């Protein structure tokens, strides 16, 4: 995550977005580190529900957080 964030910041990105289904606990835990390294808050909203993905698929949540400025200290 550090390398990805560093690369996209170098290209001018100031927001990081990804989708995660709620059952993917490993990715959710992985997202905590870069969120804490920047503004410490993420916006989480449903991006795709079962209506779009079908009944057999979990919803996909959109995680969005600022990478504009790393936290100090």
PDB file of N, CA and C in Angstrom:
ATOM      1  N   UNK A   1       0.823  -1.187   0.000  1.00  0.00           N
ATOM      2  CA  UNK A   1       0.000   0.000   0.000  1.00  0.00           C
ATOM      3  C   UNK A   1       0.869   1.253   0.000  1.00  0.00           C
ATOM      4  N   UNK A   2       1.969   1.220   0.735  1.00  0.00           N
ATOM      5  CA  UNK A   2       2.856   2.384   0.770  1.00  0.00           C
ATOM      6  C   UNK A   2       3.374   2.718  -0.626  1.00  0.00           C
ATOM      7  N   UNK A   3       3.816   1.693  -1.331  1.00  0.00           N
ATOM      8  CA  UNK A   3       4.381   1.906  -2.672  1.00  0.00           C
ATOM      9  C   UNK A   3       3.319   2.409  -3.646  1.00  0.00           C
ATOM     10  N   UNK A   4       2.156   1.819  -3.613  1.00  0.00           N
ATOM     11  CA  UNK A   4       1.074   2.260  -4.505  1.00  0.00           C
ATOM     12  C   UNK A   4       0.727   3.710  -4.221  1.00  0.00           C
ATOM     13  N   UNK A   5       0.563   4.043  -2.958  1.00  0.00           N
ATOM     14  CA  UNK A   5       0.205   5.408  -2.582  1.00  0.00           C
ATOM     15  C   UNK A   5       1.304   6.379  -3.011  1.00  0.00           C
ATOM     16  N   UNK A   6       2.553   6.027  -2.789  1.00  0.00           N
ATOM     17  CA  UNK A   6       3.656   6.891  -3.182  1.00  0.00           C
ATOM     18  C   UNK A   6       3.649   7.132  -4.694  1.00  0.00           C
ATOM     19  N   UNK A   7       3.436   6.084  -5.461  1.00  0.00           N
ATOM     20  CA  UNK A   7       3.435   6.215  -6.925  1.00  0.00           C
ATOM     21  C   UNK A   7       2.306   7.110  -7.425  1.00  0.00           C
ATOM     22  N   UNK A   8       1.122   6.897  -6.929  1.00  0.00           N
ATOM     23  CA  UNK A   8       0.001   7.700  -7.445  1.00  0.00           C
ATOM     24  C   UNK A   8       0.086   9.153  -6.976  1.00  0.00           C
ATOM     25  N   UNK A   9       0.639   9.392  -5.783  1.00  0.00           N
ATOM     26  CA  UNK A   9       0.862  10.772  -5.337  1.00  0.00           C
ATOM     27  C   UNK A   9       1.863  11.464  -6.248  1.00  0.00           C
ATOM     28  N   UNK A  10       2.914  10.749  -6.653  1.00  0.00           N
ATOM     29  CA  UNK A  10       3.932  11.315  -7.539  1.00  0.00           C
ATOM     30  C   UNK A  10       3.344  11.687  -8.901  1.00  0.00           C
ATOM     31  N   UNK A  11       2.261  11.016  -9.283  1.00  0.00           N
ATOM     32  CA  UNK A  11       1.592  11.306 -10.552  1.00  0.00           C
ATOM     33  C   UNK A  11       0.494  12.350 -10.399  1.00  0.00           C
ATOM     34  N   UNK A  12       0.325  12.884  -9.189  1.00  0.00           N
ATOM     35  CA  UNK A  12      -0.626  13.970  -8.980  1.00  0.00           C
ATOM     36  C   UNK A  12      -1.928  13.591  -8.301  1.00  0.00           C
ATOM     37  N   UNK A  13      -2.124  12.322  -7.999  1.00  0.00           N
ATOM     38  CA  UNK A  13      -3.364  11.909  -7.331  1.00  0.00           C
ATOM     39  C   UNK A  13      -3.410  12.468  -5.915  1.00  0.00           C
ATOM     40  N   UNK A  14      -4.580  12.867  -5.480  1.00  0.00           N
ATOM     41  CA  UNK A  14      -4.752  13.376  -4.122  1.00  0.00           C
ATOM     42  C   UNK A  14      -5.838  12.623  -3.359  1.00  0.00           C
ATOM     43  N   UNK A  15      -6.469  11.655  -4.024  1.00  0.00           N
ATOM     44  CA  UNK A  15      -7.494  10.815  -3.398  1.00  0.00           C
ATOM     45  C   UNK A  15      -7.246   9.373  -3.805  1.00  0.00           C
ATOM     46  N   UNK A  16      -7.387   8.464  -2.849  1.00  0.00           N
ATOM     47  CA  UNK A  16      -7.240   7.029  -3.098  1.00  0.00           C
ATOM     48  C   UNK A  16      -8.625   6.417  -2.986  1.00  0.00           C
ATOM     49  N   UNK A  17      -9.013   5.614  -3.973  1.00  0.00           N
ATOM     50  CA  UNK A  17     -10.299   4.932  -3.960  1.00  0.00           C
ATOM     51  C   UNK A  17     -10.095   3.466  -4.303  1.00  0.00           C
ATOM     52  N   UNK A  18     -10.866   2.622  -3.644  1.00  0.00           N
ATOM     53  CA  UNK A  18     -10.871   1.203  -3.979  1.00  0.00           C
ATOM     54  C   UNK A  18     -12.211   0.617  -3.551  1.00  0.00           C
ATOM     55  N   UNK A  19     -12.566  -0.498  -4.138  1.00  0.00           N
ATOM     56  CA  UNK A  19     -13.775  -1.191  -3.705  1.00  0.00           C
ATOM     57  C   UNK A  19     -13.381  -2.446  -2.947  1.00  0.00           C
ATOM     58  N   UNK A  20     -14.186  -2.755  -1.949  1.00  0.00           N
ATOM     59  CA  UNK A  20     -13.945  -3.923  -1.100  1.00  0.00           C
ATOM     60  C   UNK A  20     -15.299  -4.507  -0.729  1.00  0.00           C
ATOM     61  N   UNK A  21     -15.414  -5.832  -0.762  1.00  0.00           N
ATOM     62  CA  UNK A  21     -16.653  -6.399  -0.242  1.00  0.00           C
ATOM     63  C   UNK A  21     -16.480  -6.585   1.263  1.00  0.00           C
ATOM     64  N   UNK A  22     -17.555  -6.459   2.021  1.00  0.00           N
ATOM     65  CA  UNK A  22     -17.468  -6.484   3.485  1.00  0.00           C
ATOM     66  C   UNK A  22     -16.867  -7.758   4.068  1.00  0.00           C
ATOM     67  N   UNK A  23     -16.887  -8.848   3.338  1.00  0.00           N
ATOM     68  CA  UNK A  23     -16.332 -10.095   3.837  1.00  0.00           C
ATOM     69  C   UNK A  23     -14.816 -10.195   3.695  1.00  0.00           C
ATOM     70  N   UNK A  24     -14.215  -9.244   3.015  1.00  0.00           N
ATOM     71  CA  UNK A  24     -12.771  -9.286   2.787  1.00  0.00           C
ATOM     72  C   UNK A  24     -12.054  -8.544   3.911  1.00  0.00           C
ATOM     73  N   UNK A  25     -12.011  -9.169   5.069  1.00  0.00           N
ATOM     74  CA  UNK A  25     -11.447  -8.544   6.272  1.00  0.00           C
ATOM     75  C   UNK A  25      -9.972  -8.199   6.119  1.00  0.00           C
ATOM     76  N   UNK A  26      -9.230  -9.010   5.372  1.00  0.00           N
ATOM     77  CA  UNK A  26      -7.797  -8.749   5.205  1.00  0.00           C
ATOM     78  C   UNK A  26      -7.554  -7.415   4.502  1.00  0.00           C
ATOM     79  N   UNK A  27      -8.301  -7.140   3.444  1.00  0.00           N
ATOM     80  CA  UNK A  27      -8.127  -5.870   2.729  1.00  0.00           C
ATOM     81  C   UNK A  27      -8.615  -4.707   3.582  1.00  0.00           C
ATOM     82  N   UNK A  28      -9.698  -4.892   4.292  1.00  0.00           N
ATOM     83  CA  UNK A  28     -10.200  -3.834   5.176  1.00  0.00           C
ATOM     84  C   UNK A  28      -9.141  -3.478   6.214  1.00  0.00           C
ATOM     85  N   UNK A  29      -8.506  -4.472   6.793  1.00  0.00           N
ATOM     86  CA  UNK A  29      -7.443  -4.217   7.765  1.00  0.00           C
ATOM     87  C   UNK A  29      -6.235  -3.543   7.097  1.00  0.00           C
ATOM     88  N   UNK A  30      -5.894  -3.968   5.889  1.00  0.00           N
ATOM     89  CA  UNK A  30      -4.779  -3.389   5.160  1.00  0.00           C
ATOM     90  C   UNK A  30      -5.009  -1.902   4.874  1.00  0.00           C
ATOM     91  N   UNK A  31      -6.251  -1.521   4.636  1.00  0.00           N
ATOM     92  CA  UNK A  31      -6.583  -0.126   4.328  1.00  0.00           C
ATOM     93  C   UNK A  31      -6.367   0.803   5.519  1.00  0.00           C
ATOM     94  N   UNK A  32      -6.343   0.281   6.714  1.00  0.00           N
ATOM     95  CA  UNK A  32      -6.212   1.133   7.902  1.00  0.00           C
ATOM     96  C   UNK A  32      -4.882   1.878   7.950  1.00  0.00           C
ATOM     97  N   UNK A  33      -3.814   1.251   7.493  1.00  0.00           N
ATOM     98  CA  UNK A  33      -2.494   1.883   7.577  1.00  0.00           C
ATOM     99  C   UNK A  33      -2.404   3.156   6.736  1.00  0.00           C
ATOM    100  N   UNK A  34      -2.701   3.116   5.432  1.00  0.00           N
ATOM    101  CA  UNK A  34      -2.589   4.367   4.678  1.00  0.00           C
ATOM    102  C   UNK A  34      -3.593   5.424   5.128  1.00  0.00           C
ATOM    103  N   UNK A  35      -4.762   5.006   5.563  1.00  0.00           N
ATOM    104  CA  UNK A  35      -5.733   5.984   6.074  1.00  0.00           C
ATOM    105  C   UNK A  35      -5.137   6.714   7.274  1.00  0.00           C
ATOM    106  N   UNK A  36      -4.517   5.971   8.176  1.00  0.00           N
ATOM    107  CA  UNK A  36      -3.904   6.581   9.362  1.00  0.00           C
ATOM    108  C   UNK A  36      -2.699   7.443   8.994  1.00  0.00           C
ATOM    109  N   UNK A  37      -1.987   7.102   7.924  1.00  0.00           N
ATOM    110  CA  UNK A  37      -0.807   7.872   7.519  1.00  0.00           C
ATOM    111  C   UNK A  37      -1.182   9.215   6.902  1.00  0.00           C
ATOM    112  N   UNK A  38      -2.405   9.355   6.474  1.00  0.00           N
ATOM    113  CA  UNK A  38      -2.833  10.599   5.844  1.00  0.00           C
ATOM    114  C   UNK A  38      -3.826  11.304   6.751  1.00  0.00           C
ATOM    115  N   UNK A  39      -5.055  11.480   6.375  1.00  0.00           N
ATOM    116  CA  UNK A  39      -5.953  12.297   7.200  1.00  0.00           C
ATOM    117  C   UNK A  39      -6.662  11.532   8.304  1.00  0.00           C
ATOM    118  N   UNK A  40      -6.522  10.210   8.320  1.00  0.00           N
ATOM    119  CA  UNK A  40      -7.102   9.428   9.397  1.00  0.00           C
ATOM    120  C   UNK A  40      -8.583   9.133   9.260  1.00  0.00           C
ATOM    121  N   UNK A  41      -9.196   9.572   8.158  1.00  0.00           N
ATOM    122  CA  UNK A  41     -10.615   9.308   7.959  1.00  0.00           C
ATOM    123  C   UNK A  41     -10.842   8.821   6.536  1.00  0.00           C
ATOM    124  N   UNK A  42     -11.739   7.878   6.419  1.00  0.00           N
ATOM    125  CA  UNK A  42     -12.117   7.428   5.090  1.00  0.00           C
ATOM    126  C   UNK A  42     -13.619   7.561   4.939  1.00  0.00           C
ATOM    127  N   UNK A  43     -14.038   7.777   3.708  1.00  0.00           N
ATOM    128  CA  UNK A  43     -15.460   7.771   3.374  1.00  0.00           C
ATOM    129  C   UNK A  43     -15.772   6.373   2.865  1.00  0.00           C
ATOM    130  N   UNK A  44     -16.796   5.774   3.409  1.00  0.00           N
ATOM    131  CA  UNK A  44     -17.183   4.429   2.992  1.00  0.00           C
ATOM    132  C   UNK A  44     -18.644   4.478   2.582  1.00  0.00           C
ATOM    133  N   UNK A  45     -18.927   4.018   1.367  1.00  0.00           N
ATOM    134  CA  UNK A  45     -20.301   3.999   0.888  1.00  0.00           C
ATOM    135  C   UNK A  45     -20.501   2.785  -0.015  1.00  0.00           C
ATOM    136  N   UNK A  46     -21.740   2.361  -0.148  1.00  0.00           N
ATOM    137  CA  UNK A  46     -22.036   1.239  -1.034  1.00  0.00           C
ATOM    138  C   UNK A  46     -21.937   1.706  -2.471  1.00  0.00           C
ATOM    139  N   UNK A  47     -21.154   0.998  -3.263  1.00  0.00           N
ATOM    140  CA  UNK A  47     -21.007   1.344  -4.674  1.00  0.00           C
ATOM    141  C   UNK A  47     -21.890   0.456  -5.546  1.00  0.00           C
ATOM    142  N   UNK A  48     -21.831  -0.848  -5.315  1.00  0.00           N
ATOM    143  CA  UNK A  48     -22.646  -1.800  -6.063  1.00  0.00           C
ATOM    144  C   UNK A  48     -23.370  -2.702  -5.088  1.00  0.00           C
ATOM    145  N   UNK A  49     -24.683  -2.797  -5.226  1.00  0.00           N
ATOM    146  CA  UNK A  49     -25.483  -3.668  -4.382  1.00  0.00           C
ATOM    147  C   UNK A  49     -25.826  -4.961  -5.091  1.00  0.00           C
ATOM    148  N   UNK A  50     -26.626  -5.773  -4.438  1.00  0.00           N
ATOM    149  CA  UNK A  50     -27.008  -7.051  -5.039  1.00  0.00           C
ATOM    150  C   UNK A  50     -27.841  -6.848  -6.301  1.00  0.00           C
ATOM    151  N   UNK A  51     -28.483  -5.694  -6.428  1.00  0.00           N
ATOM    152  CA  UNK A  51     -29.238  -5.405  -7.649  1.00  0.00           C
ATOM    153  C   UNK A  51     -28.348  -5.361  -8.877  1.00  0.00           C
ATOM    154  N   UNK A  52     -27.170  -4.804  -8.724  1.00  0.00           N
ATOM    155  CA  UNK A  52     -26.225  -4.730  -9.835  1.00  0.00           C
ATOM    156  C   UNK A  52     -25.396  -5.999  -9.971  1.00  0.00           C
ATOM    157  N   UNK A  53     -25.066  -6.627  -8.849  1.00  0.00           N
ATOM    158  CA  UNK A  53     -24.135  -7.751  -8.860  1.00  0.00           C
ATOM    159  C   UNK A  53     -24.810  -9.118  -8.831  1.00  0.00           C
ATOM    160  N   UNK A  54     -26.072  -9.158  -8.453  1.00  0.00           N
ATOM    161  CA  UNK A  54     -26.782 -10.425  -8.347  1.00  0.00           C
ATOM    162  C   UNK A  54     -26.834 -10.918  -6.910  1.00  0.00           C
ATOM    163  N   UNK A  55     -27.790 -11.766  -6.628  1.00  0.00           N
ATOM    164  CA  UNK A  55     -28.024 -12.232  -5.265  1.00  0.00           C
ATOM    165  C   UNK A  55     -26.873 -13.042  -4.678  1.00  0.00           C
ATOM    166  N   UNK A  56     -26.066 -13.681  -5.486  1.00  0.00           N
ATOM    167  CA  UNK A  56     -24.996 -14.519  -4.976  1.00  0.00           C
ATOM    168  C   UNK A  56     -23.705 -13.771  -4.658  1.00  0.00           C
ATOM    169  N   UNK A  57     -23.706 -12.475  -4.838  1.00  0.00           N
ATOM    170  CA  UNK A  57     -22.474 -11.697  -4.639  1.00  0.00           C
ATOM    171  C   UNK A  57     -22.682 -10.676  -3.526  1.00  0.00           C
ATOM    172  N   UNK A  58     -21.667 -10.517  -2.684  1.00  0.00           N
ATOM    173  CA  UNK A  58     -21.736  -9.485  -1.649  1.00  0.00           C
ATOM    174  C   UNK A  58     -21.690  -8.103  -2.291  1.00  0.00           C
ATOM    175  N   UNK A  59     -22.203  -7.124  -1.587  1.00  0.00           N
ATOM    176  CA  UNK A  59     -22.127  -5.751  -2.070  1.00  0.00           C
ATOM    177  C   UNK A  59     -20.656  -5.343  -2.162  1.00  0.00           C
ATOM    178  N   UNK A  60     -20.377  -4.333  -2.949  1.00  0.00           N
ATOM    179  CA  UNK A  60     -19.038  -3.759  -3.037  1.00  0.00           C
ATOM    180  C   UNK A  60     -19.101  -2.359  -2.435  1.00  0.00           C
ATOM    181  N   UNK A  61     -18.251  -2.150  -1.444  1.00  0.00           N
ATOM    182  CA  UNK A  61     -18.193  -0.869  -0.767  1.00  0.00           C
ATOM    183  C   UNK A  61     -17.053  -0.048  -1.355  1.00  0.00           C
ATOM    184  N   UNK A  62     -17.301   1.262  -1.522  1.00  0.00           N
ATOM    185  CA  UNK A  62     -16.275   2.173  -2.002  1.00  0.00           C
ATOM    186  C   UNK A  62     -15.587   2.800  -0.799  1.00  0.00           C
ATOM    187  N   UNK A  63     -14.281   2.638  -0.731  1.00  0.00           N
ATOM    188  CA  UNK A  63     -13.454   3.275   0.295  1.00  0.00           C
ATOM    189  C   UNK A  63     -12.701   4.414  -0.383  1.00  0.00           C
ATOM    190  N   UNK A  64     -12.793   5.607   0.182  1.00  0.00           N
ATOM    191  CA  UNK A  64     -12.142   6.781  -0.387  1.00  0.00           C
ATOM    192  C   UNK A  64     -11.483   7.563   0.747  1.00  0.00           C
ATOM    193  N   UNK A  65     -10.225   7.953   0.537  1.00  0.00           N
ATOM    194  CA  UNK A  65      -9.563   8.803   1.528  1.00  0.00           C
ATOM    195  C   UNK A  65      -8.541   9.702   0.837  1.00  0.00           C
ATOM    196  N   UNK A  66      -8.254  10.810   1.481  1.00  0.00           N
ATOM    197  CA  UNK A  66      -7.306  11.792   0.953  1.00  0.00           C
ATOM    198  C   UNK A  66      -5.882  11.299   1.130  1.00  0.00           C
ATOM    199  N   UNK A  67      -5.072  11.495   0.100  1.00  0.00           N
ATOM    200  CA  UNK A  67      -3.639  11.249   0.200  1.00  0.00           C
ATOM    201  C   UNK A  67      -2.883  12.542  -0.129  1.00  0.00           C
ATOM    202  N   UNK A  68      -3.573  13.663   0.027  1.00  0.00           N
ATOM    203  CA  UNK A  68      -2.990  14.949  -0.341  1.00  0.00           C
ATOM    204  C   UNK A  68      -1.796  15.310   0.525  1.00  0.00           C
ATOM    205  N   UNK A  69      -1.871  15.010   1.814  1.00  0.00           N
ATOM    206  CA  UNK A  69      -0.804  15.425   2.709  1.00  0.00           C
ATOM    207  C   UNK A  69      -0.625  14.388   3.810  1.00  0.00           C
ATOM    208  N   UNK A  70       0.578  13.792   3.909  1.00  0.00           N
ATOM    209  CA  UNK A  70       0.832  12.847   4.992  1.00  0.00           C
ATOM    210  C   UNK A  70       0.740  13.530   6.350  1.00  0.00           C
ATOM    211  N   UNK A  71       0.308  12.768   7.330  1.00  0.00           N
ATOM    212  CA  UNK A  71       0.269  13.281   8.700  1.00  0.00           C
ATOM    213  C   UNK A  71       1.685  13.483   9.224  1.00  0.00           C
ATOM    214  N   UNK A  72       1.839  14.458  10.055  1.00  0.00           N
ATOM    215  CA  UNK A  72       3.131  14.714  10.694  1.00  0.00           C
ATOM    216  C   UNK A  72       3.169  14.032  12.046  1.00  0.00           C
ATOM    217  N   UNK A  73       4.317  13.475  12.390  1.00  0.00           N
ATOM    218  CA  UNK A  73       4.511  12.892  13.718  1.00  0.00           C
ATOM    219  C   UNK A  73       4.044  11.545  13.804  1.00  0.00           C
TER     220      UNK A  73
END
